[in-house]
């Protein structure tokens, strides 16, 4: 294998969204083998793969180019899509499906930074599948376009990293890449959300609606993760979180709605609120509610669910104070110092479903309001306190 091909594999492997793209495509199409290949005039080389049919190809493995349809995609710049080889007028006599024992197949082109052909996004399965429909084709196209953009972004980052020796600048570029990823992945996610909504409007089947409900929840959670990543990036590489500051006559309804919403989602948790806000304050109400939501999620996740969570908000001596208190294991002093670090929670708790950005973003919201978020933990009680001048 040539050094340039090895570099191309590393470029694909460096794109953090690749495993998620392969998994989402497999779930969307029903195909159990999805891969990204580097395709040249003479070689087909595996770069990344999701293999649920034991095809036994791993990154770096090669196939003879004439035994694939990817050479056709390379020469025409047009995708190849097959629902069922046996019923396909163009490919039913081709030896390639028999060689690799597949019935359904797709291959879409991926492009380099300069617009030249890089390779293909492929999928196949021994069983037939309905791939030739607008919903599936638009999703595959969206993901192949996303990969092309991310490959372009990765190339730009690689070139800049080579030119930069300052480690801090390199870190900034990586965080900018996260922002690019967070922005671009919204396109296929929006397409997926639209498709789910369309399916909901055209079915009354209880079982299907239950599945679509789960998909809707997954899309909402993915949107939440993307929002967290974008907030993280703005906090680290921008001018801080963007605020929409305006006079708020009464912040109580927003805080109460946030509490009610989380209490509804976590019915086993009791949240007791004491909100006494008797005057207006200038703030970004949505961000303050986001701060409260993040603190409550942290308390629900890591506190003792048999004990109530207390939320207190008040204005006193020209200062707005918001407190969230929960019962649970006392947090060691050494750990308290790391709680507001980005990704800290996910590194410590591998079973956590989040990215470990909630407390970091809460602290960034506090800073953006020229306020302060602190934490204290003793006697099996943990208290987060946000304060800001009004």
Protein backbone atom coordinates (compact mmCIF):
# COMPACT_ATOMS: atom_id res chain seq x y z
CA UNK A 1 0.00 0.00 0.00
CA UNK A 2 1.37 3.41 -0.98
CA UNK A 3 1.95 6.15 1.63
CA UNK A 4 -0.67 8.34 -0.05
CA UNK A 5 -3.35 5.65 0.35
CA UNK A 6 -2.39 5.23 4.00
CA UNK A 7 -2.77 8.99 4.47
CA UNK A 8 -6.20 8.86 2.83
CA UNK A 9 -7.32 6.12 5.24
CA UNK A 10 -6.09 8.20 8.19
CA UNK A 11 -8.02 11.22 6.89
CA UNK A 12 -11.26 9.25 6.86
CA UNK A 13 -10.51 7.71 10.25
CA UNK A 14 -9.89 11.19 11.67
CA UNK A 15 -13.47 12.29 10.87
CA UNK A 16 -15.26 11.63 14.16
CA UNK A 17 -18.71 11.49 12.58
CA UNK A 18 -17.87 8.53 10.30
CA UNK A 19 -18.95 5.68 12.67
CA UNK A 20 -22.24 7.51 13.34
CA UNK A 21 -22.85 8.07 9.62
CA UNK A 22 -22.30 4.38 8.84
CA UNK A 23 -24.62 3.30 11.66
CA UNK A 24 -27.36 5.77 10.70
CA UNK A 25 -27.19 4.70 7.04
CA UNK A 26 -27.44 1.04 8.01
CA UNK A 27 -30.51 1.77 10.12
CA UNK A 28 -32.10 3.95 7.42
CA UNK A 29 -31.54 1.54 4.50
CA UNK A 30 -31.64 -1.81 6.27
CA UNK A 31 -28.32 -2.77 4.66
CA UNK A 32 -25.94 -4.56 7.00
CA UNK A 33 -22.70 -3.65 5.27
CA UNK A 34 -21.80 0.05 4.87
CA UNK A 35 -18.32 1.29 4.03
CA UNK A 36 -16.20 4.16 2.73
CA UNK A 37 -13.63 3.25 0.08
CA UNK A 38 -10.72 5.08 -1.53
CA UNK A 39 -11.06 4.44 -5.25
CA UNK A 40 -8.32 5.14 -7.78
CA UNK A 41 -7.97 4.07 -11.38
CA UNK A 42 -6.30 0.83 -10.30
CA UNK A 43 -7.26 0.21 -6.68
CA UNK A 44 -10.22 -0.09 -4.31
CA UNK A 45 -9.13 0.32 -0.67
CA UNK A 46 -11.30 0.08 2.45
CA UNK A 47 -11.13 3.18 4.71
CA UNK A 48 -13.96 2.61 7.21
CA UNK A 49 -16.64 -0.06 7.59
CA UNK A 50 -19.72 -1.21 9.50
CA UNK A 51 -19.97 -4.96 8.88
CA UNK A 52 -22.94 -6.87 10.31
CA UNK A 53 -22.75 -9.74 7.78
CA UNK A 54 -19.14 -10.86 8.43
CA UNK A 55 -17.87 -9.76 5.05
CA UNK A 56 -14.36 -9.80 6.59
CA UNK A 57 -13.04 -6.57 5.12
CA UNK A 58 -11.17 -4.15 7.40
CA UNK A 59 -9.59 -0.72 6.80
CA UNK A 60 -6.57 -1.13 4.55
CA UNK A 61 -7.92 -4.18 2.69
CA UNK A 62 -8.01 -3.97 -1.10
CA UNK A 63 -10.21 -5.34 -3.88
CA UNK A 64 -9.46 -5.60 -7.57
CA UNK A 65 -11.03 -2.50 -9.09
CA UNK A 66 -12.67 -4.44 -11.95
CA UNK A 67 -14.59 -6.56 -9.41
CA UNK A 68 -16.48 -3.52 -8.08
CA UNK A 69 -19.09 -1.10 -9.39
CA UNK A 70 -17.07 1.76 -7.89
CA UNK A 71 -14.96 2.07 -11.04
CA UNK A 72 -18.20 2.88 -12.89
CA UNK A 73 -19.09 5.50 -10.25
CA UNK A 74 -15.59 6.95 -10.62
CA UNK A 75 -15.81 7.24 -14.40
CA UNK A 76 -19.39 8.59 -14.58
CA UNK A 77 -19.65 10.51 -11.27
CA UNK A 78 -23.12 8.98 -10.95
CA UNK A 79 -24.33 6.66 -8.19
CA UNK A 80 -25.21 3.01 -8.69
CA UNK A 81 -28.37 1.82 -6.90
CA UNK A 82 -29.78 -1.73 -7.00
CA UNK A 83 -32.89 -2.85 -5.13
CA UNK A 84 -32.70 -6.47 -6.27
CA UNK A 85 -30.02 -7.85 -8.57
CA UNK A 86 -32.31 -10.62 -9.84
CA UNK A 87 -34.92 -8.10 -10.94
CA UNK A 88 -32.56 -5.40 -12.23
CA UNK A 89 -32.46 -5.16 -16.02
CA UNK A 90 -28.99 -3.59 -16.04
CA UNK A 91 -27.11 -5.69 -13.49
CA UNK A 92 -28.89 -9.08 -13.28
CA UNK A 93 -26.24 -10.74 -15.47
CA UNK A 94 -23.25 -9.02 -13.86
CA UNK A 95 -20.74 -11.42 -12.21
CA UNK A 96 -19.96 -8.91 -9.43
CA UNK A 97 -23.07 -9.54 -7.25
CA UNK A 98 -22.52 -13.29 -7.52
CA UNK A 99 -18.85 -12.88 -6.57
CA UNK A 100 -19.70 -11.03 -3.36
CA UNK A 101 -23.13 -12.58 -2.75
CA UNK A 102 -25.24 -9.44 -2.52
CA UNK A 103 -28.74 -8.66 -3.71
CA UNK A 104 -29.12 -4.97 -2.85
CA UNK A 105 -26.42 -2.34 -3.32
CA UNK A 106 -25.61 1.35 -3.55
CA UNK A 107 -22.45 3.34 -4.28
CA UNK A 108 -22.27 7.15 -4.14
CA UNK A 109 -19.25 9.33 -5.03
CA UNK A 110 -17.21 11.28 -2.46
CA UNK A 111 -15.00 14.20 -3.47
CA UNK A 112 -11.74 15.80 -2.33
CA UNK A 113 -11.01 19.39 -1.36
CA UNK A 114 -10.27 20.39 -4.95
CA UNK A 115 -13.40 18.66 -6.24
CA UNK A 116 -11.60 15.61 -7.57
CA UNK A 117 -12.97 12.11 -7.04
CA UNK A 118 -11.85 10.54 -3.75
CA UNK A 119 -13.88 7.37 -3.43
CA UNK A 120 -17.31 6.01 -2.63
CA UNK A 121 -19.85 5.55 0.13
CA UNK A 122 -21.12 1.99 -0.40
CA UNK A 123 -23.70 -0.35 1.06
CA UNK A 124 -24.80 -3.89 0.29
CA UNK A 125 -26.78 -6.79 1.71
CA UNK A 126 -27.52 -10.41 0.70
CA UNK A 127 -31.22 -9.52 0.88
CA UNK A 128 -33.16 -7.20 -1.42
CA UNK A 129 -34.00 -3.71 -0.13
CA UNK A 130 -36.09 -0.75 -1.22
CA UNK A 131 -33.38 1.80 -2.02
CA UNK A 132 -34.80 3.46 -5.11
CA UNK A 133 -37.14 5.88 -3.39
CA UNK A 134 -36.85 9.61 -2.80
CA UNK A 135 -36.49 9.38 0.99
CA UNK A 136 -33.64 6.83 0.99
CA UNK A 137 -31.82 8.35 -1.97
CA UNK A 138 -31.94 11.84 -0.44
CA UNK A 139 -30.52 10.53 2.84
CA UNK A 140 -27.66 8.66 1.16
CA UNK A 141 -26.93 11.72 -0.99
CA UNK A 142 -26.96 13.96 2.09
CA UNK A 143 -24.47 11.72 3.90
CA UNK A 144 -22.15 11.45 0.88
CA UNK A 145 -22.21 15.26 0.56
CA UNK A 146 -21.53 15.56 4.30
CA UNK A 147 -18.54 13.22 3.99
CA UNK A 148 -17.20 15.25 1.08
CA UNK A 149 -17.48 18.46 3.12
CA UNK A 150 -15.89 16.88 6.17
CA UNK A 151 -13.09 15.45 4.03
CA UNK A 152 -12.49 18.94 2.65
CA UNK A 153 -12.52 20.38 6.17
CA UNK A 154 -10.16 17.66 7.37
CA UNK A 155 -7.75 18.40 4.52
CA UNK A 156 -7.76 22.10 5.37
CA UNK A 157 -7.12 21.32 9.02
CA UNK A 158 -4.30 18.90 8.14
CA UNK A 159 -2.58 21.53 6.02
CA UNK A 160 -2.95 24.17 8.70
CA UNK A 161 -1.70 21.82 11.40
CA UNK A 162 1.39 21.11 9.33
CA UNK A 163 2.07 24.82 9.05
CA UNK A 164 1.47 25.58 12.73
CA UNK A 165 3.85 24.70 15.53
CA UNK A 166 1.93 26.30 18.36
CA UNK A 167 -0.07 23.60 20.17
CA UNK A 168 -2.67 26.10 21.32
CA UNK A 169 -3.42 27.16 17.75
CA UNK A 170 -3.73 23.52 16.69
CA UNK A 171 -6.24 22.95 19.51
CA UNK A 172 -8.25 25.94 18.28
CA UNK A 173 -8.38 24.48 14.77
CA UNK A 174 -9.67 21.18 16.11
CA UNK A 175 -12.40 22.97 17.99
CA UNK A 176 -13.30 24.91 14.85
CA UNK A 177 -13.61 21.56 13.12
CA UNK A 178 -16.12 20.51 15.79
CA UNK A 179 -18.14 23.61 14.90
CA UNK A 180 -18.05 22.65 11.20
CA UNK A 181 -19.16 19.13 12.03
CA UNK A 182 -21.96 20.36 14.30
CA UNK A 183 -23.20 22.70 11.57
CA UNK A 184 -23.00 20.26 8.66
CA UNK A 185 -24.54 17.27 10.41
CA UNK A 186 -27.76 19.26 10.85
CA UNK A 187 -28.51 18.76 7.14
CA UNK A 188 -28.99 14.97 7.18
CA UNK A 189 -30.54 15.19 10.65
CA UNK A 190 -33.15 17.66 9.38
CA UNK A 191 -33.83 15.34 6.45
CA UNK A 192 -34.31 12.42 8.84
CA UNK A 193 -36.65 14.47 11.06
CA UNK A 194 -38.70 15.53 8.03
CA UNK A 195 -39.03 11.92 6.88
CA UNK A 196 -40.20 10.80 10.33
CA UNK A 197 -42.81 13.57 10.39
CA UNK A 198 -44.04 12.58 6.92
CA UNK A 199 -44.36 8.94 7.98
CA UNK A 200 -46.32 9.98 11.08
CA UNK A 201 -48.81 11.81 8.86
CA UNK A 202 -49.38 8.74 6.68
CA UNK A 203 -49.83 5.90 9.16
CA UNK A 204 -52.28 4.99 11.89
CA UNK A 205 -50.48 1.79 12.83
CA UNK A 206 -49.85 1.77 16.60
CA UNK A 207 -46.65 -0.26 16.37
CA UNK A 208 -45.18 1.94 13.63
CA UNK A 209 -46.14 5.10 15.52
CA UNK A 210 -44.36 3.72 18.59
CA UNK A 211 -41.18 3.23 16.54
CA UNK A 212 -41.53 6.68 14.98
CA UNK A 213 -41.93 8.13 18.47
CA UNK A 214 -38.62 6.57 19.49
CA UNK A 215 -37.01 7.95 16.34
CA UNK A 216 -38.37 11.42 17.15
CA UNK A 217 -36.87 11.21 20.64
CA UNK A 218 -33.53 10.12 19.16
CA UNK A 219 -33.55 13.05 16.72
CA UNK A 220 -34.34 15.43 19.58
CA UNK A 221 -31.48 14.00 21.64
CA UNK A 222 -29.08 14.30 18.69
CA UNK A 223 -30.15 17.92 18.24
CA UNK A 224 -29.44 18.47 21.93
CA UNK A 225 -25.97 16.95 21.57
CA UNK A 226 -25.26 19.14 18.54
CA UNK A 227 -26.42 22.23 20.45
CA UNK A 228 -24.08 21.30 23.30
CA UNK A 229 -21.17 20.90 20.89
CA UNK A 230 -21.92 24.24 19.24
CA UNK A 231 -22.14 25.97 22.63
CA UNK A 232 -18.87 24.33 23.65
CA UNK A 233 -17.16 25.60 20.51
CA UNK A 234 -18.48 29.14 20.88
CA UNK A 235 -17.31 29.13 24.48
CA UNK A 236 -13.83 27.91 23.61
CA UNK A 237 -12.93 29.46 20.25
CA UNK A 238 -15.35 32.36 19.83
CA UNK A 239 -16.12 35.40 21.91
CA UNK A 240 -18.11 33.32 24.38
CA UNK A 241 -21.74 32.27 24.26
CA UNK A 242 -24.06 34.63 22.40
CA UNK A 243 -26.70 36.24 24.62
CA UNK A 244 -29.97 37.97 23.84
CA UNK A 245 -30.02 40.35 26.77
CA UNK A 246 -33.29 42.16 27.47
CA UNK A 247 -35.34 43.25 30.49
CA UNK A 248 -37.38 40.36 31.86
CA UNK A 249 -40.30 41.46 34.02
CA UNK A 250 -40.73 38.04 35.59
CA UNK A 251 -38.35 35.13 35.05
CA UNK A 252 -40.51 32.84 37.21
CA UNK A 253 -42.68 31.30 34.42
CA UNK A 254 -39.62 30.26 32.41
CA UNK A 255 -37.92 28.67 35.41
CA UNK A 256 -41.13 26.93 36.47
CA UNK A 257 -41.67 25.57 32.95
CA UNK A 258 -38.13 24.17 32.89
CA UNK A 259 -38.72 22.44 36.23
CA UNK A 260 -42.11 21.09 35.13
CA UNK A 261 -40.70 19.76 31.86
CA UNK A 262 -37.91 17.80 33.56
CA UNK A 263 -40.21 16.60 36.33
CA UNK A 264 -42.50 15.19 33.63
CA UNK A 265 -39.63 13.37 31.95
CA UNK A 266 -38.35 11.96 35.25
CA UNK A 267 -41.50 11.05 37.17
CA UNK A 268 -39.57 9.20 39.90
CA UNK A 269 -37.75 12.40 40.89
CA UNK A 270 -39.36 15.00 43.15
CA UNK A 271 -38.38 18.60 42.48
CA UNK A 272 -39.37 21.19 45.08
CA UNK A 273 -39.20 24.81 43.91
CA UNK A 274 -39.16 28.05 45.86
CA UNK A 275 -39.02 30.90 43.35
CA UNK A 276 -39.37 34.40 44.77
CA UNK A 277 -38.62 36.97 42.05
CA UNK A 278 -40.30 40.28 42.78
CA UNK A 279 -38.54 42.54 40.32
CA UNK A 280 -37.30 42.63 36.73
CA UNK A 281 -33.77 41.80 35.68
CA UNK A 282 -31.77 42.08 32.47
CA UNK A 283 -30.67 38.68 31.19
CA UNK A 284 -31.06 36.10 28.44
CA UNK A 285 -34.02 34.18 29.85
CA UNK A 286 -33.58 31.22 27.50
CA UNK A 287 -29.95 30.82 28.57
CA UNK A 288 -30.82 31.11 32.28
CA UNK A 289 -33.41 28.37 31.81
CA UNK A 290 -30.80 26.31 29.95
CA UNK A 291 -28.43 26.75 32.90
CA UNK A 292 -31.15 25.56 35.29
CA UNK A 293 -31.99 22.62 33.03
CA UNK A 294 -28.34 21.51 32.91
CA UNK A 295 -28.02 21.72 36.70
CA UNK A 296 -31.25 19.75 37.17
CA UNK A 297 -30.20 17.05 34.70
CA UNK A 298 -26.92 16.74 36.60
CA UNK A 299 -28.79 16.43 39.92
CA UNK A 300 -31.22 13.86 38.49
CA UNK A 301 -28.43 11.83 36.93
CA UNK A 302 -25.97 11.80 39.82
CA UNK A 303 -28.08 12.48 42.92
CA UNK A 304 -30.12 10.21 45.17
CA UNK A 305 -33.45 9.83 43.37
CA UNK A 306 -35.21 8.80 46.59
CA UNK A 307 -34.61 12.31 47.96
CA UNK A 308 -36.11 15.54 46.55
CA UNK A 309 -34.17 18.11 44.54
CA UNK A 310 -34.56 21.70 45.74
CA UNK A 311 -34.58 24.71 43.41
CA UNK A 312 -34.41 28.18 44.94
CA UNK A 313 -34.41 31.52 43.11
CA UNK A 314 -34.50 34.97 44.65
CA UNK A 315 -33.26 38.55 44.34
CA UNK A 316 -31.59 40.15 47.32
CA UNK A 317 -29.22 43.09 47.82
CA UNK A 318 -28.97 43.76 44.09
CA UNK A 319 -28.08 40.18 43.27
CA UNK A 320 -29.98 37.38 41.51
CA UNK A 321 -29.35 33.92 42.97
CA UNK A 322 -30.37 30.53 41.58
CA UNK A 323 -29.61 27.38 43.59
CA UNK A 324 -30.02 23.66 42.86
CA UNK A 325 -29.50 21.27 45.77
CA UNK A 326 -29.61 17.48 45.77
CA UNK A 327 -28.82 14.62 48.12
CA UNK A 328 -26.27 11.95 47.23
CA UNK A 329 -22.68 10.94 47.68
CA UNK A 330 -20.42 13.77 48.78
CA UNK A 331 -18.20 14.88 45.92
CA UNK A 332 -14.48 14.89 46.86
CA UNK A 333 -12.76 18.27 46.86
CA UNK A 334 -10.33 17.16 44.13
CA UNK A 335 -13.29 16.24 41.93
CA UNK A 336 -15.13 19.53 42.56
CA UNK A 337 -12.27 21.37 40.88
CA UNK A 338 -12.88 19.44 37.64
CA UNK A 339 -16.69 19.51 37.43
CA UNK A 340 -16.83 22.50 35.07
CA UNK A 341 -14.19 21.08 32.71
CA UNK A 342 -15.54 20.15 29.24
CA UNK A 343 -16.02 16.41 28.61
CA UNK A 344 -15.01 15.65 32.19
CA UNK A 345 -18.20 13.76 33.03
CA UNK A 346 -18.08 11.51 29.98
CA UNK A 347 -14.48 10.57 30.72
CA UNK A 348 -15.34 9.61 34.29
CA UNK A 349 -18.69 7.95 33.61
CA UNK A 350 -18.50 5.75 30.53
CA UNK A 351 -22.16 4.81 30.91
CA UNK A 352 -23.26 8.42 30.63
CA UNK A 353 -25.38 9.16 27.55
CA UNK A 354 -24.23 12.77 27.33
CA UNK A 355 -21.01 14.37 26.15
CA UNK A 356 -20.06 15.71 29.58
CA UNK A 357 -20.69 19.32 28.51
CA UNK A 358 -23.72 20.25 30.64
CA UNK A 359 -21.88 21.77 33.61
CA UNK A 360 -19.27 23.38 31.36
CA UNK A 361 -21.99 25.09 29.32
CA UNK A 362 -23.78 26.15 32.52
CA UNK A 363 -20.57 27.80 33.73
CA UNK A 364 -20.14 29.52 30.34
CA UNK A 365 -23.69 30.88 30.57
CA UNK A 366 -22.82 32.25 34.02
CA UNK A 367 -19.65 33.89 32.68
CA UNK A 368 -21.51 35.39 29.72
CA UNK A 369 -23.85 37.09 32.23
CA UNK A 370 -20.80 38.33 34.15
CA UNK A 371 -21.95 36.07 36.95
CA UNK A 372 -20.50 33.10 38.78
CA UNK A 373 -21.42 29.43 39.13
CA UNK A 374 -20.03 27.63 42.18
CA UNK A 375 -20.46 24.20 43.76
CA UNK A 376 -20.14 22.90 47.31
CA UNK A 377 -20.57 19.34 48.55
CA UNK A 378 -20.56 18.01 52.11
CA UNK A 379 -22.62 15.76 54.40
CA UNK A 380 -24.07 13.94 51.36
CA UNK A 381 -25.49 17.17 49.97
CA UNK A 382 -24.40 19.00 46.80
CA UNK A 383 -25.32 22.62 46.10
CA UNK A 384 -24.80 24.52 42.84
CA UNK A 385 -25.19 28.30 43.11
CA UNK A 386 -25.43 30.81 40.26
CA UNK A 387 -25.20 34.49 41.16
CA UNK A 388 -25.14 37.68 39.11
CA UNK A 389 -25.57 41.37 39.77
CA UNK A 390 -28.71 43.06 38.52
